[in-house]
Amino acid sequence: MGYNKNNWKMRLSERSDLSSQVVHLTRENDSSEKTSITNILYEIVSSGVIKGSNTESGFICGDTPAVCFQDAPLHAICQNVYFEEKFQNTNPNIKTRYRAVGLAFPKDYVYRSGGRPVIYEKTNDAKLLLPVSEWWRIVNFDLDDSDNFIDWTHEREWRVPNDFEFEIEKATLLFVTESIYKTFISQCEANNTDYFKRAKGVVVMDNLLY
């Protein structure tokens, strides 16, 4: 027998490694004419849709696109981002995967939109266990070769199949620095929109990241 939502939130409040939110992070695009991170977040918020990634853009298995989230408290999200930055500094050919800019949503809200934890397993083995329609949940996991570990379990990933439509009132806006936050506010004011006021909350991640 399950417990009610208040009991569930009380349990999470006793754990520093768990959260009632899941987080979607974004980044600048890879085109020759780069769009700023603020513009990308504004486009997402104004459309109310996070578009799903596919096999090429987001390492999604199968033909169904999916939107990716991390199931971790914000301090752990920051640790993931900080490590990615340090790793990229020593491996300049590595593509930037995400920055500490994005949106957080209540876990049950994402669940009701079809969001589910991914399944960490060797891709070929997982394909034998799941129907093709569920392959979007597969994330490769392989520790056989000590020189080539494949392990993304630190992200505790969730995915939503296809696109994720949301209400701004359910979103907490995440900005890596105060300057990016203020740029976003200026963008809202220039377009006569009040997303930063309508959002559930705002967090400047720089205060947690460094």
N, C-alpha and C. Protein backbone atom coordinates (compact mmCIF):
# COMPACT_ATOMS: atom_id res chain seq x y z
N MET A 1 0.84 -1.20 0.00
CA MET A 1 0.00 0.00 0.00
C MET A 1 0.88 1.26 0.00
N GLY A 2 0.53 2.24 -0.88
CA GLY A 2 1.29 3.47 -0.96
C GLY A 2 0.93 4.43 0.15
N TYR A 3 1.62 5.55 0.22
CA TYR A 3 1.27 6.59 1.19
C TYR A 3 0.88 7.85 0.44
N ASN A 4 0.30 8.81 1.15
CA ASN A 4 -0.17 10.00 0.45
C ASN A 4 1.00 10.94 0.11
N LYS A 5 0.69 11.99 -0.65
CA LYS A 5 1.74 12.87 -1.14
C LYS A 5 2.48 13.58 -0.01
N ASN A 6 1.77 13.95 1.05
CA ASN A 6 2.43 14.61 2.17
C ASN A 6 3.44 13.68 2.85
N ASN A 7 3.06 12.39 3.02
CA ASN A 7 4.00 11.42 3.59
C ASN A 7 5.22 11.26 2.68
N TRP A 8 4.95 11.23 1.38
CA TRP A 8 6.02 11.08 0.38
C TRP A 8 7.00 12.25 0.47
N LYS A 9 6.49 13.48 0.56
CA LYS A 9 7.34 14.66 0.64
C LYS A 9 8.10 14.68 1.97
N MET A 10 7.48 14.21 3.04
CA MET A 10 8.17 14.15 4.33
C MET A 10 9.34 13.18 4.27
N ARG A 11 9.15 12.06 3.58
CA ARG A 11 10.25 11.10 3.43
C ARG A 11 11.40 11.74 2.67
N LEU A 12 11.10 12.46 1.58
CA LEU A 12 12.15 13.09 0.79
C LEU A 12 12.87 14.17 1.58
N SER A 13 12.16 14.86 2.47
CA SER A 13 12.77 15.93 3.25
C SER A 13 13.83 15.42 4.21
N GLU A 14 13.82 14.11 4.47
CA GLU A 14 14.81 13.52 5.37
C GLU A 14 16.02 12.97 4.62
N ARG A 15 16.04 13.19 3.27
CA ARG A 15 17.13 12.66 2.47
C ARG A 15 17.79 13.78 1.67
N SER A 16 19.08 14.01 1.88
CA SER A 16 19.78 15.07 1.16
C SER A 16 20.12 14.67 -0.28
N ASP A 17 19.98 13.38 -0.61
CA ASP A 17 20.33 12.91 -1.95
C ASP A 17 19.12 12.74 -2.85
N LEU A 18 17.91 13.08 -2.37
CA LEU A 18 16.70 12.90 -3.16
C LEU A 18 15.97 14.23 -3.28
N SER A 19 15.04 14.30 -4.23
CA SER A 19 14.30 15.53 -4.47
C SER A 19 12.89 15.21 -4.96
N SER A 20 11.97 16.13 -4.73
CA SER A 20 10.60 15.99 -5.26
C SER A 20 10.50 16.60 -6.65
N GLN A 21 11.63 17.15 -7.16
CA GLN A 21 11.66 17.80 -8.47
C GLN A 21 12.55 17.00 -9.43
N VAL A 22 12.28 17.15 -10.71
CA VAL A 22 13.21 16.69 -11.74
C VAL A 22 13.60 17.91 -12.57
N VAL A 23 14.82 17.88 -13.09
CA VAL A 23 15.42 19.07 -13.71
C VAL A 23 15.79 18.82 -15.16
N HIS A 24 15.38 19.74 -16.02
CA HIS A 24 15.82 19.72 -17.42
C HIS A 24 16.78 20.87 -17.63
N LEU A 25 18.01 20.56 -18.05
CA LEU A 25 19.02 21.59 -18.34
C LEU A 25 19.17 21.75 -19.84
N THR A 26 19.53 22.97 -20.25
CA THR A 26 19.72 23.23 -21.67
C THR A 26 21.11 23.81 -21.90
N ARG A 27 21.40 24.19 -23.14
CA ARG A 27 22.70 24.74 -23.51
C ARG A 27 22.54 25.50 -24.81
N GLU A 28 23.61 26.22 -25.20
CA GLU A 28 23.61 26.87 -26.50
C GLU A 28 23.58 25.80 -27.59
N ASN A 29 23.05 26.17 -28.76
CA ASN A 29 23.05 25.19 -29.85
C ASN A 29 24.44 25.08 -30.47
N ASP A 30 24.60 24.09 -31.37
CA ASP A 30 25.91 23.83 -31.96
C ASP A 30 26.03 24.38 -33.38
N SER A 31 25.07 25.18 -33.80
CA SER A 31 25.11 25.71 -35.16
C SER A 31 26.18 26.79 -35.28
N SER A 32 26.48 27.18 -36.52
CA SER A 32 27.49 28.21 -36.74
C SER A 32 27.03 29.56 -36.19
N GLU A 33 25.71 29.80 -36.20
CA GLU A 33 25.15 31.02 -35.63
C GLU A 33 24.54 30.66 -34.27
N LYS A 34 25.36 30.70 -33.25
CA LYS A 34 24.92 30.23 -31.95
C LYS A 34 23.84 31.13 -31.35
N THR A 35 22.82 30.50 -30.81
CA THR A 35 21.77 31.21 -30.10
C THR A 35 22.14 31.25 -28.62
N SER A 36 21.98 32.39 -27.98
CA SER A 36 22.37 32.50 -26.58
C SER A 36 21.52 31.59 -25.71
N ILE A 37 22.08 31.21 -24.59
CA ILE A 37 21.38 30.33 -23.65
C ILE A 37 20.10 31.00 -23.14
N THR A 38 20.13 32.34 -23.00
CA THR A 38 18.94 33.06 -22.54
C THR A 38 17.83 32.99 -23.58
N ASN A 39 18.19 33.17 -24.85
CA ASN A 39 17.20 33.09 -25.92
C ASN A 39 16.58 31.70 -26.00
N ILE A 40 17.41 30.67 -25.83
CA ILE A 40 16.90 29.30 -25.89
C ILE A 40 15.92 29.05 -24.76
N LEU A 41 16.27 29.48 -23.54
CA LEU A 41 15.35 29.28 -22.42
C LEU A 41 14.07 30.09 -22.63
N TYR A 42 14.19 31.30 -23.14
CA TYR A 42 13.00 32.12 -23.39
C TYR A 42 12.09 31.46 -24.41
N GLU A 43 12.67 30.90 -25.47
CA GLU A 43 11.87 30.22 -26.49
C GLU A 43 11.12 29.03 -25.89
N ILE A 44 11.80 28.28 -25.01
CA ILE A 44 11.15 27.13 -24.37
C ILE A 44 9.99 27.59 -23.51
N VAL A 45 10.23 28.62 -22.70
CA VAL A 45 9.21 29.10 -21.78
C VAL A 45 8.03 29.71 -22.54
N SER A 46 8.31 30.49 -23.57
CA SER A 46 7.23 31.14 -24.31
C SER A 46 6.39 30.14 -25.10
N SER A 47 7.00 29.04 -25.54
CA SER A 47 6.25 28.02 -26.28
C SER A 47 5.52 27.05 -25.36
N GLY A 48 6.02 26.92 -24.11
CA GLY A 48 5.44 25.96 -23.18
C GLY A 48 5.73 24.51 -23.58
N VAL A 49 6.79 24.32 -24.36
CA VAL A 49 7.13 22.98 -24.85
C VAL A 49 8.64 22.78 -24.81
N ILE A 50 9.08 21.64 -24.25
CA ILE A 50 10.46 21.19 -24.40
C ILE A 50 10.44 20.10 -25.46
N LYS A 51 11.15 20.32 -26.54
CA LYS A 51 11.13 19.37 -27.65
C LYS A 51 12.03 18.17 -27.36
N GLY A 52 11.54 17.00 -27.72
CA GLY A 52 12.30 15.79 -27.48
C GLY A 52 13.53 15.68 -28.36
N SER A 53 14.58 15.07 -27.83
CA SER A 53 15.79 14.79 -28.60
C SER A 53 15.63 13.44 -29.31
N ASN A 54 16.46 13.24 -30.34
CA ASN A 54 16.43 11.97 -31.05
C ASN A 54 17.77 11.25 -30.90
N THR A 55 17.98 10.23 -31.70
CA THR A 55 19.20 9.42 -31.59
C THR A 55 20.45 10.26 -31.83
N GLU A 56 20.40 11.17 -32.82
CA GLU A 56 21.57 11.97 -33.15
C GLU A 56 21.83 13.07 -32.13
N SER A 57 20.79 13.75 -31.71
CA SER A 57 20.98 14.93 -30.86
C SER A 57 21.05 14.60 -29.38
N GLY A 58 20.50 13.45 -28.96
CA GLY A 58 20.45 13.19 -27.53
C GLY A 58 20.70 11.76 -27.12
N PHE A 59 21.27 10.95 -28.01
CA PHE A 59 21.60 9.57 -27.68
C PHE A 59 20.37 8.78 -27.25
N ILE A 60 19.22 9.09 -27.85
CA ILE A 60 17.99 8.37 -27.54
C ILE A 60 17.95 7.09 -28.35
N CYS A 61 17.62 6.00 -27.70
CA CYS A 61 17.54 4.71 -28.37
C CYS A 61 16.16 4.55 -29.01
N GLY A 62 16.12 4.01 -30.23
CA GLY A 62 14.84 3.79 -30.91
C GLY A 62 14.39 5.01 -31.69
N ASP A 63 13.16 4.94 -32.20
CA ASP A 63 12.64 5.98 -33.08
C ASP A 63 11.81 7.03 -32.36
N THR A 64 11.52 6.84 -31.08
CA THR A 64 10.70 7.80 -30.34
C THR A 64 11.58 8.85 -29.68
N PRO A 65 11.41 10.13 -30.03
CA PRO A 65 12.18 11.18 -29.35
C PRO A 65 11.82 11.21 -27.87
N ALA A 66 12.66 11.85 -27.07
CA ALA A 66 12.38 11.94 -25.63
C ALA A 66 13.03 13.18 -25.04
N VAL A 67 12.40 13.71 -23.98
CA VAL A 67 12.93 14.84 -23.22
C VAL A 67 13.59 14.30 -21.97
N CYS A 68 14.78 14.79 -21.67
CA CYS A 68 15.57 14.24 -20.57
C CYS A 68 15.54 15.15 -19.34
N PHE A 69 15.49 14.52 -18.17
CA PHE A 69 15.51 15.21 -16.89
C PHE A 69 16.50 14.50 -15.98
N GLN A 70 16.96 15.20 -14.94
CA GLN A 70 17.76 14.58 -13.89
C GLN A 70 16.97 14.57 -12.59
N ASP A 71 16.96 13.43 -11.95
CA ASP A 71 16.24 13.27 -10.68
C ASP A 71 17.25 13.40 -9.54
N ALA A 72 17.53 14.65 -9.17
CA ALA A 72 18.52 14.91 -8.12
C ALA A 72 18.26 16.29 -7.53
N PRO A 73 18.63 16.51 -6.27
CA PRO A 73 18.51 17.85 -5.68
C PRO A 73 19.44 18.83 -6.39
N LEU A 74 19.16 20.12 -6.26
CA LEU A 74 19.89 21.12 -7.04
C LEU A 74 21.38 21.13 -6.74
N HIS A 75 21.76 20.87 -5.50
CA HIS A 75 23.20 20.89 -5.21
C HIS A 75 23.92 19.77 -5.97
N ALA A 76 23.24 18.63 -6.16
CA ALA A 76 23.83 17.53 -6.91
C ALA A 76 23.84 17.83 -8.41
N ILE A 77 22.79 18.51 -8.90
CA ILE A 77 22.78 18.95 -10.29
C ILE A 77 23.98 19.86 -10.55
N CYS A 78 24.24 20.77 -9.61
CA CYS A 78 25.38 21.67 -9.74
C CYS A 78 26.70 20.91 -9.77
N GLN A 79 26.81 19.87 -8.95
CA GLN A 79 28.03 19.06 -8.95
C GLN A 79 28.23 18.38 -10.29
N ASN A 80 27.14 17.89 -10.89
CA ASN A 80 27.23 17.28 -12.22
C ASN A 80 27.71 18.29 -13.26
N VAL A 81 27.15 19.50 -13.21
CA VAL A 81 27.53 20.54 -14.17
C VAL A 81 28.99 20.93 -13.98
N TYR A 82 29.40 21.10 -12.74
CA TYR A 82 30.77 21.52 -12.45
C TYR A 82 31.77 20.47 -12.94
N PHE A 83 31.45 19.20 -12.73
CA PHE A 83 32.35 18.15 -13.23
C PHE A 83 32.41 18.17 -14.75
N GLU A 84 31.25 18.35 -15.41
CA GLU A 84 31.22 18.42 -16.88
C GLU A 84 32.13 19.54 -17.37
N GLU A 85 32.10 20.69 -16.69
CA GLU A 85 32.94 21.83 -17.07
C GLU A 85 34.43 21.48 -16.93
N LYS A 86 34.80 20.89 -15.81
CA LYS A 86 36.20 20.52 -15.59
C LYS A 86 36.64 19.45 -16.59
N PHE A 87 35.78 18.48 -16.85
CA PHE A 87 36.12 17.41 -17.78
C PHE A 87 36.32 17.96 -19.18
N GLN A 88 35.48 18.92 -19.57
CA GLN A 88 35.60 19.51 -20.90
C GLN A 88 36.87 20.35 -21.03
N ASN A 89 37.28 20.99 -19.94
CA ASN A 89 38.51 21.79 -19.98
C ASN A 89 39.73 20.94 -20.29
N THR A 90 39.72 19.70 -19.85
CA THR A 90 40.84 18.79 -20.13
C THR A 90 40.61 17.93 -21.36
N ASN A 91 39.39 17.99 -21.91
CA ASN A 91 39.04 17.23 -23.11
C ASN A 91 38.26 18.17 -24.04
N PRO A 92 38.96 19.11 -24.69
CA PRO A 92 38.29 20.16 -25.45
C PRO A 92 37.44 19.67 -26.62
N ASN A 93 37.64 18.45 -27.07
CA ASN A 93 36.85 17.93 -28.18
C ASN A 93 35.50 17.37 -27.73
N ILE A 94 35.30 17.29 -26.41
CA ILE A 94 34.03 16.81 -25.87
C ILE A 94 32.95 17.87 -26.05
N LYS A 95 31.79 17.46 -26.54
CA LYS A 95 30.68 18.40 -26.73
C LYS A 95 30.06 18.78 -25.40
N THR A 96 29.72 20.07 -25.26
CA THR A 96 29.02 20.52 -24.05
C THR A 96 27.64 19.86 -24.00
N ARG A 97 27.35 19.18 -22.92
CA ARG A 97 26.10 18.44 -22.81
C ARG A 97 24.98 19.31 -22.24
N TYR A 98 25.31 20.12 -21.24
CA TYR A 98 24.32 21.02 -20.67
C TYR A 98 25.03 22.04 -19.78
N ARG A 99 24.30 23.12 -19.49
CA ARG A 99 24.77 24.12 -18.54
C ARG A 99 23.76 24.22 -17.41
N ALA A 100 24.12 25.00 -16.38
CA ALA A 100 23.23 25.11 -15.21
C ALA A 100 22.14 26.14 -15.47
N VAL A 101 21.43 25.94 -16.58
CA VAL A 101 20.31 26.79 -16.99
C VAL A 101 19.18 25.87 -17.45
N GLY A 102 17.99 26.07 -16.93
CA GLY A 102 16.90 25.20 -17.34
C GLY A 102 15.67 25.37 -16.48
N LEU A 103 14.95 24.27 -16.30
CA LEU A 103 13.71 24.31 -15.56
C LEU A 103 13.59 23.07 -14.67
N ALA A 104 12.96 23.27 -13.51
CA ALA A 104 12.66 22.15 -12.61
C ALA A 104 11.14 22.03 -12.49
N PHE A 105 10.66 20.80 -12.41
CA PHE A 105 9.23 20.54 -12.30
C PHE A 105 8.96 19.52 -11.20
N PRO A 106 7.80 19.59 -10.56
CA PRO A 106 7.44 18.55 -9.59
C PRO A 106 7.45 17.18 -10.26
N LYS A 107 7.97 16.21 -9.55
CA LYS A 107 8.14 14.88 -10.12
C LYS A 107 6.81 14.26 -10.54
N ASP A 108 5.75 14.46 -9.72
CA ASP A 108 4.47 13.86 -10.07
C ASP A 108 3.83 14.54 -11.28
N TYR A 109 4.15 15.81 -11.50
CA TYR A 109 3.66 16.53 -12.68
C TYR A 109 4.26 15.93 -13.94
N VAL A 110 5.56 15.66 -13.92
CA VAL A 110 6.23 15.04 -15.07
C VAL A 110 5.75 13.61 -15.25
N TYR A 111 5.52 12.91 -14.16
CA TYR A 111 5.03 11.53 -14.21
C TYR A 111 3.70 11.46 -14.95
N ARG A 112 2.81 12.40 -14.63
CA ARG A 112 1.48 12.40 -15.27
C ARG A 112 1.56 12.72 -16.76
N SER A 113 2.69 13.28 -17.19
CA SER A 113 2.89 13.55 -18.62
C SER A 113 3.61 12.39 -19.31
N GLY A 114 3.74 11.28 -18.62
CA GLY A 114 4.38 10.10 -19.21
C GLY A 114 5.84 9.93 -18.83
N GLY A 115 6.37 10.82 -17.98
CA GLY A 115 7.77 10.72 -17.58
C GLY A 115 8.02 9.51 -16.70
N ARG A 116 9.14 8.84 -16.95
CA ARG A 116 9.51 7.65 -16.18
C ARG A 116 11.02 7.59 -16.02
N PRO A 117 11.52 6.96 -14.96
CA PRO A 117 12.96 6.73 -14.86
C PRO A 117 13.44 5.89 -16.03
N VAL A 118 14.65 6.18 -16.49
CA VAL A 118 15.22 5.38 -17.56
C VAL A 118 15.62 4.01 -17.01
N ILE A 119 15.96 3.13 -17.92
CA ILE A 119 16.44 1.79 -17.55
C ILE A 119 17.92 1.70 -17.93
N TYR A 120 18.77 1.60 -16.92
CA TYR A 120 20.21 1.51 -17.15
C TYR A 120 20.57 0.03 -17.37
N GLU A 121 21.05 -0.27 -18.57
CA GLU A 121 21.41 -1.65 -18.92
C GLU A 121 22.19 -1.61 -20.23
N LYS A 122 22.93 -2.66 -20.50
CA LYS A 122 23.54 -2.77 -21.82
C LYS A 122 22.44 -2.66 -22.87
N THR A 123 22.67 -1.82 -23.86
CA THR A 123 21.61 -1.50 -24.81
C THR A 123 21.03 -2.75 -25.46
N ASN A 124 21.86 -3.64 -25.94
CA ASN A 124 21.36 -4.82 -26.63
C ASN A 124 20.57 -5.74 -25.69
N ASP A 125 21.01 -5.82 -24.44
CA ASP A 125 20.27 -6.64 -23.47
C ASP A 125 18.92 -6.01 -23.15
N ALA A 126 18.91 -4.69 -22.99
CA ALA A 126 17.66 -4.00 -22.66
C ALA A 126 16.65 -4.12 -23.80
N LYS A 127 17.13 -4.13 -25.04
CA LYS A 127 16.22 -4.26 -26.18
C LYS A 127 15.49 -5.60 -26.18
N LEU A 128 16.12 -6.61 -25.58
CA LEU A 128 15.48 -7.93 -25.49
C LEU A 128 14.38 -7.94 -24.43
N LEU A 129 14.47 -7.02 -23.48
CA LEU A 129 13.53 -6.99 -22.36
C LEU A 129 12.33 -6.08 -22.62
N LEU A 130 12.50 -5.10 -23.51
CA LEU A 130 11.47 -4.08 -23.71
C LEU A 130 10.91 -4.13 -25.13
N PRO A 131 9.64 -3.78 -25.29
CA PRO A 131 9.10 -3.61 -26.64
C PRO A 131 9.74 -2.40 -27.31
N VAL A 132 9.74 -2.37 -28.62
CA VAL A 132 10.37 -1.27 -29.36
C VAL A 132 9.79 0.08 -28.93
N SER A 133 8.53 0.10 -28.60
CA SER A 133 7.86 1.35 -28.21
C SER A 133 8.41 1.94 -26.91
N GLU A 134 9.17 1.13 -26.14
CA GLU A 134 9.73 1.59 -24.87
C GLU A 134 11.24 1.78 -24.93
N TRP A 135 11.84 1.66 -26.09
CA TRP A 135 13.30 1.78 -26.19
C TRP A 135 13.82 3.16 -25.82
N TRP A 136 12.95 4.18 -25.87
CA TRP A 136 13.36 5.53 -25.49
C TRP A 136 13.82 5.60 -24.02
N ARG A 137 13.47 4.58 -23.24
CA ARG A 137 13.86 4.56 -21.83
C ARG A 137 15.24 3.95 -21.59
N ILE A 138 15.86 3.42 -22.62
CA ILE A 138 17.14 2.71 -22.45
C ILE A 138 18.31 3.69 -22.42
N VAL A 139 19.17 3.54 -21.41
CA VAL A 139 20.46 4.25 -21.36
C VAL A 139 21.55 3.20 -21.17
N ASN A 140 22.50 3.20 -22.08
CA ASN A 140 23.55 2.19 -22.05
C ASN A 140 24.34 2.24 -20.74
N PHE A 141 24.59 1.06 -20.17
CA PHE A 141 25.33 0.93 -18.91
C PHE A 141 26.22 -0.30 -19.03
N ASP A 142 27.55 -0.09 -18.97
CA ASP A 142 28.47 -1.20 -19.21
C ASP A 142 29.79 -0.92 -18.49
N LEU A 143 30.10 -1.75 -17.50
CA LEU A 143 31.34 -1.60 -16.73
C LEU A 143 32.32 -2.74 -17.00
N ASP A 144 32.13 -3.46 -18.11
CA ASP A 144 32.98 -4.60 -18.42
C ASP A 144 34.43 -4.20 -18.71
N ASP A 145 34.63 -3.12 -19.44
CA ASP A 145 35.96 -2.70 -19.86
C ASP A 145 36.43 -1.55 -18.97
N SER A 146 37.43 -1.80 -18.16
CA SER A 146 37.89 -0.78 -17.20
C SER A 146 38.49 0.44 -17.90
N ASP A 147 38.82 0.32 -19.19
CA ASP A 147 39.33 1.46 -19.95
C ASP A 147 38.22 2.19 -20.70
N ASN A 148 37.00 1.70 -20.61
CA ASN A 148 35.89 2.32 -21.33
C ASN A 148 34.59 2.11 -20.58
N PHE A 149 34.50 2.64 -19.37
CA PHE A 149 33.27 2.56 -18.59
C PHE A 149 32.18 3.42 -19.25
N ILE A 150 30.99 2.88 -19.32
CA ILE A 150 29.82 3.63 -19.77
C ILE A 150 28.85 3.67 -18.61
N ASP A 151 28.79 4.81 -17.94
CA ASP A 151 27.99 4.91 -16.72
C ASP A 151 27.47 6.34 -16.56
N TRP A 152 26.16 6.50 -16.74
CA TRP A 152 25.49 7.79 -16.59
C TRP A 152 24.52 7.77 -15.41
N THR A 153 24.70 6.81 -14.51
CA THR A 153 23.74 6.68 -13.42
C THR A 153 23.76 7.86 -12.46
N HIS A 154 24.84 8.67 -12.49
CA HIS A 154 24.91 9.84 -11.61
C HIS A 154 23.82 10.87 -11.97
N GLU A 155 23.27 10.77 -13.18
CA GLU A 155 22.22 11.71 -13.59
C GLU A 155 20.83 11.28 -13.12
N ARG A 156 20.69 10.01 -12.71
CA ARG A 156 19.37 9.51 -12.29
C ARG A 156 18.30 9.99 -13.28
N GLU A 157 18.51 9.65 -14.51
CA GLU A 157 17.71 10.26 -15.58
C GLU A 157 16.26 9.78 -15.62
N TRP A 158 15.39 10.72 -15.90
CA TRP A 158 14.00 10.46 -16.29
C TRP A 158 13.85 10.91 -17.73
N ARG A 159 12.88 10.32 -18.43
CA ARG A 159 12.57 10.78 -19.79
C ARG A 159 11.06 10.82 -19.99
N VAL A 160 10.66 11.76 -20.84
CA VAL A 160 9.27 11.85 -21.31
C VAL A 160 9.29 11.56 -22.80
N PRO A 161 8.48 10.62 -23.30
CA PRO A 161 8.49 10.35 -24.74
C PRO A 161 7.94 11.53 -25.53
N ASN A 162 8.53 11.75 -26.71
CA ASN A 162 8.13 12.84 -27.61
C ASN A 162 8.43 14.19 -26.97
N ASP A 163 7.50 15.14 -27.04
CA ASP A 163 7.72 16.47 -26.46
C ASP A 163 7.07 16.56 -25.07
N PHE A 164 7.52 17.53 -24.29
CA PHE A 164 6.95 17.77 -22.96
C PHE A 164 6.29 19.13 -22.93
N GLU A 165 4.97 19.15 -22.83
CA GLU A 165 4.22 20.40 -22.74
C GLU A 165 3.99 20.73 -21.27
N PHE A 166 4.16 22.01 -20.92
CA PHE A 166 4.08 22.38 -19.51
C PHE A 166 3.43 23.75 -19.32
N GLU A 167 2.99 23.99 -18.10
CA GLU A 167 2.49 25.30 -17.69
C GLU A 167 3.60 26.01 -16.93
N ILE A 168 3.81 27.29 -17.23
CA ILE A 168 4.90 28.03 -16.59
C ILE A 168 4.70 28.07 -15.08
N GLU A 169 3.46 28.03 -14.61
CA GLU A 169 3.19 28.07 -13.18
C GLU A 169 3.71 26.83 -12.44
N LYS A 170 4.03 25.78 -13.18
CA LYS A 170 4.57 24.56 -12.59
C LYS A 170 6.09 24.51 -12.62
N ALA A 171 6.71 25.51 -13.26
CA ALA A 171 8.14 25.47 -13.49
C ALA A 171 8.91 26.37 -12.54
N THR A 172 10.05 25.88 -12.07
CA THR A 172 11.03 26.71 -11.39
C THR A 172 12.14 27.01 -12.39
N LEU A 173 12.42 28.29 -12.62
CA LEU A 173 13.43 28.70 -13.59
C LEU A 173 14.81 28.66 -12.95
N LEU A 174 15.77 28.09 -13.66
CA LEU A 174 17.13 27.94 -13.16
C LEU A 174 18.10 28.72 -14.03
N PHE A 175 18.89 29.57 -13.41
CA PHE A 175 19.88 30.39 -14.12
C PHE A 175 21.24 30.19 -13.48
N VAL A 176 22.28 30.10 -14.31
CA VAL A 176 23.60 29.82 -13.77
C VAL A 176 24.20 31.04 -13.08
N THR A 177 23.89 32.25 -13.57
CA THR A 177 24.43 33.47 -12.95
C THR A 177 23.34 34.53 -12.84
N GLU A 178 23.61 35.51 -12.00
CA GLU A 178 22.67 36.63 -11.84
C GLU A 178 22.53 37.41 -13.13
N SER A 179 23.61 37.55 -13.89
CA SER A 179 23.56 38.33 -15.13
C SER A 179 22.64 37.66 -16.16
N ILE A 180 22.67 36.33 -16.22
CA ILE A 180 21.78 35.62 -17.15
C ILE A 180 20.33 35.77 -16.70
N TYR A 181 20.10 35.71 -15.40
CA TYR A 181 18.76 35.92 -14.86
C TYR A 181 18.25 37.31 -15.23
N LYS A 182 19.09 38.34 -15.06
CA LYS A 182 18.66 39.70 -15.35
C LYS A 182 18.45 39.91 -16.85
N THR A 183 19.25 39.23 -17.67
CA THR A 183 19.04 39.28 -19.11
C THR A 183 17.69 38.68 -19.48
N PHE A 184 17.33 37.60 -18.82
CA PHE A 184 16.03 36.96 -19.07
C PHE A 184 14.89 37.92 -18.68
N ILE A 185 15.02 38.59 -17.54
CA ILE A 185 14.01 39.55 -17.12
C ILE A 185 13.87 40.66 -18.17
N SER A 186 14.99 41.18 -18.65
CA SER A 186 14.96 42.23 -19.67
C SER A 186 14.27 41.74 -20.94
N GLN A 187 14.51 40.48 -21.28
CA GLN A 187 13.89 39.91 -22.47
C GLN A 187 12.37 39.81 -22.28
N CYS A 188 11.95 39.41 -21.10
CA CYS A 188 10.52 39.36 -20.80
C CYS A 188 9.90 40.75 -20.89
N GLU A 189 10.55 41.73 -20.30
CA GLU A 189 10.01 43.09 -20.31
C GLU A 189 9.94 43.65 -21.73
N ALA A 190 10.94 43.33 -22.55
CA ALA A 190 10.95 43.82 -23.93
C ALA A 190 9.82 43.22 -24.75
N ASN A 191 9.38 42.03 -24.35
CA ASN A 191 8.30 41.34 -25.07
C ASN A 191 6.96 41.40 -24.33
N ASN A 192 6.92 42.24 -23.30
CA ASN A 192 5.69 42.41 -22.52
C ASN A 192 5.16 41.08 -21.97
N THR A 193 6.08 40.26 -21.49
CA THR A 193 5.70 38.99 -20.87
C THR A 193 6.20 38.99 -19.42
N ASP A 194 5.57 38.17 -18.60
CA ASP A 194 5.92 38.16 -17.17
C ASP A 194 6.22 36.74 -16.69
N TYR A 195 6.94 35.97 -17.51
CA TYR A 195 7.21 34.58 -17.16
C TYR A 195 7.95 34.46 -15.83
N PHE A 196 8.87 35.37 -15.56
CA PHE A 196 9.64 35.28 -14.32
C PHE A 196 8.76 35.52 -13.09
N LYS A 197 7.62 36.19 -13.27
CA LYS A 197 6.67 36.39 -12.19
C LYS A 197 5.70 35.22 -12.07
N ARG A 198 5.33 34.64 -13.19
CA ARG A 198 4.34 33.56 -13.20
C ARG A 198 4.95 32.22 -12.81
N ALA A 199 6.26 32.10 -12.96
CA ALA A 199 6.91 30.83 -12.64
C ALA A 199 6.75 30.50 -11.16
N LYS A 200 6.83 29.21 -10.85
CA LYS A 200 6.70 28.75 -9.46
C LYS A 200 7.83 29.28 -8.60
N GLY A 201 8.99 29.50 -9.19
CA GLY A 201 10.13 30.02 -8.45
C GLY A 201 11.30 30.28 -9.37
N VAL A 202 12.35 30.90 -8.84
CA VAL A 202 13.57 31.20 -9.58
C VAL A 202 14.76 30.87 -8.69
N VAL A 203 15.76 30.20 -9.26
CA VAL A 203 16.99 29.88 -8.53
C VAL A 203 18.19 30.30 -9.38
N VAL A 204 19.10 31.08 -8.79
CA VAL A 204 20.37 31.40 -9.44
C VAL A 204 21.39 30.36 -8.98
N MET A 205 21.76 29.48 -9.87
CA MET A 205 22.55 28.29 -9.51
C MET A 205 23.98 28.63 -9.11
N ASP A 206 24.47 29.79 -9.55
CA ASP A 206 25.84 30.21 -9.22
C ASP A 206 26.08 30.18 -7.71
N ASN A 207 25.05 30.50 -6.95
CA ASN A 207 25.20 30.50 -5.48
C ASN A 207 25.39 29.10 -4.92
N LEU A 208 24.95 28.08 -5.68
CA LEU A 208 25.13 26.69 -5.27
C LEU A 208 26.34 26.07 -5.94
N LEU A 209 26.59 26.48 -7.19
CA LEU A 209 27.63 25.84 -8.01
C LEU A 209 29.02 26.16 -7.51
N TYR A 210 29.24 27.38 -7.05
CA TYR A 210 30.59 27.77 -6.62
C TYR A 210 30.58 28.22 -5.16
